[in-house]
């Protein structure tokens, strides 16, 4: 299955309320699992930088990735970006296919 990376930024106020943030995260995950049960979660990170969280997951198609991004926005994320990702060994295979 294709791999996607979801980058989200939240309202700074929500990040100062640990119990509220935890509840918000559980509600988000429940809605995503209910709507997109075929998604396989690989990792979830709280990160430093312009985004607050990074999720890595496998989804059957780009439409499913869109759903996850839209759910993130509807559940409180100020920004949500979904990126397609390719494992490096697979990238090397693609590169080999286009070599002259």
Protein backbone atom coordinates (compact mmCIF):
# COMPACT_ATOMS: atom_id res chain seq x y z
CA UNK A 1 0.00 0.00 0.00
CA UNK A 2 1.16 3.57 -0.61
CA UNK A 3 2.71 5.43 2.33
CA UNK A 4 1.56 8.91 3.36
CA UNK A 5 2.80 11.48 5.84
CA UNK A 6 0.28 13.75 7.57
CA UNK A 7 1.64 17.01 9.02
CA UNK A 8 -0.69 18.94 11.33
CA UNK A 9 -0.59 22.23 13.17
CA UNK A 10 -2.99 22.94 16.02
CA UNK A 11 -4.18 26.00 17.87
CA UNK A 12 -1.46 26.83 20.44
CA UNK A 13 -4.12 27.05 23.15
CA UNK A 14 -5.09 23.40 22.62
CA UNK A 15 -1.50 22.31 23.23
CA UNK A 16 -1.46 23.84 26.72
CA UNK A 17 -4.34 21.67 27.93
CA UNK A 18 -2.95 18.13 28.23
CA UNK A 19 -6.22 16.41 29.11
CA UNK A 20 -8.14 18.31 26.43
CA UNK A 21 -5.44 17.54 23.87
CA UNK A 22 -5.51 13.84 24.77
CA UNK A 23 -9.31 13.75 24.41
CA UNK A 24 -9.13 15.60 21.09
CA UNK A 25 -6.54 13.11 19.81
CA UNK A 26 -8.64 10.10 20.83
CA UNK A 27 -11.72 11.56 19.12
CA UNK A 28 -9.73 12.23 15.96
CA UNK A 29 -8.29 8.70 15.88
CA UNK A 30 -11.70 7.14 16.51
CA UNK A 31 -13.24 9.09 13.61
CA UNK A 32 -10.36 8.21 11.28
CA UNK A 33 -10.49 4.50 12.18
CA UNK A 34 -14.26 4.48 11.73
CA UNK A 35 -14.11 6.26 8.36
CA UNK A 36 -10.94 4.62 7.02
CA UNK A 37 -10.59 1.18 8.64
CA UNK A 38 -8.19 0.00 5.95
CA UNK A 39 -5.48 2.46 7.03
CA UNK A 40 -2.43 0.96 8.75
CA UNK A 41 -0.70 3.35 11.19
CA UNK A 42 3.09 3.22 11.15
CA UNK A 43 4.05 6.08 13.50
CA UNK A 44 2.76 9.15 15.35
CA UNK A 45 5.17 11.86 16.50
CA UNK A 46 4.91 15.16 18.32
CA UNK A 47 7.54 17.31 16.62
CA UNK A 48 9.36 20.63 16.87
CA UNK A 49 9.17 23.10 14.02
CA UNK A 50 6.33 24.59 11.98
CA UNK A 51 4.06 21.56 12.59
CA UNK A 52 2.97 20.00 15.87
CA UNK A 53 2.41 16.39 14.80
CA UNK A 54 3.53 13.97 12.10
CA UNK A 55 1.70 10.74 11.32
CA UNK A 56 2.98 8.10 8.95
CA UNK A 57 0.51 5.58 7.58
CA UNK A 58 -0.33 3.25 4.73
CA UNK A 59 -3.53 3.85 2.79
CA UNK A 60 -4.93 2.09 -0.27
CA UNK A 61 -5.19 5.29 -2.33
CA UNK A 62 -4.90 9.06 -2.43
CA UNK A 63 -8.64 9.48 -1.83
CA UNK A 64 -8.25 7.85 1.59
CA UNK A 65 -5.34 10.18 2.36
CA UNK A 66 -7.62 13.10 1.47
CA UNK A 67 -10.24 11.81 3.90
CA UNK A 68 -7.71 11.67 6.74
CA UNK A 69 -6.53 15.20 6.00
CA UNK A 70 -10.12 16.49 5.87
CA UNK A 71 -11.01 14.75 9.12
CA UNK A 72 -7.95 16.36 10.73
CA UNK A 73 -9.14 19.81 9.67
CA UNK A 74 -12.70 19.12 10.82
CA UNK A 75 -11.45 17.88 14.21
CA UNK A 76 -9.44 20.97 15.11
CA UNK A 77 -6.22 21.09 13.13
CA UNK A 78 -5.49 24.61 11.87
CA UNK A 79 -3.40 23.13 9.06
CA UNK A 80 -3.12 19.62 7.66
CA UNK A 81 -0.87 18.55 4.81
CA UNK A 82 -0.69 15.05 3.38
CA UNK A 83 2.40 13.98 1.49
CA UNK A 84 2.98 10.82 -0.52
CA UNK A 85 6.17 9.02 0.55
CA UNK A 86 8.30 6.38 -1.13
CA UNK A 87 10.73 4.12 0.70
CA UNK A 88 14.28 4.85 -0.40
CA UNK A 89 14.86 1.38 -1.90
CA UNK A 90 11.71 1.86 -4.00
CA UNK A 91 12.92 5.32 -5.02
CA UNK A 92 16.16 3.76 -6.24
CA UNK A 93 14.11 1.33 -8.34
CA UNK A 94 12.20 4.22 -9.93
CA UNK A 95 15.47 6.03 -10.55
CA UNK A 96 16.90 2.95 -12.25
CA UNK A 97 13.85 2.75 -14.52
CA UNK A 98 14.43 6.26 -15.87
CA UNK A 99 18.19 6.04 -16.34
CA UNK A 100 19.38 6.35 -19.92
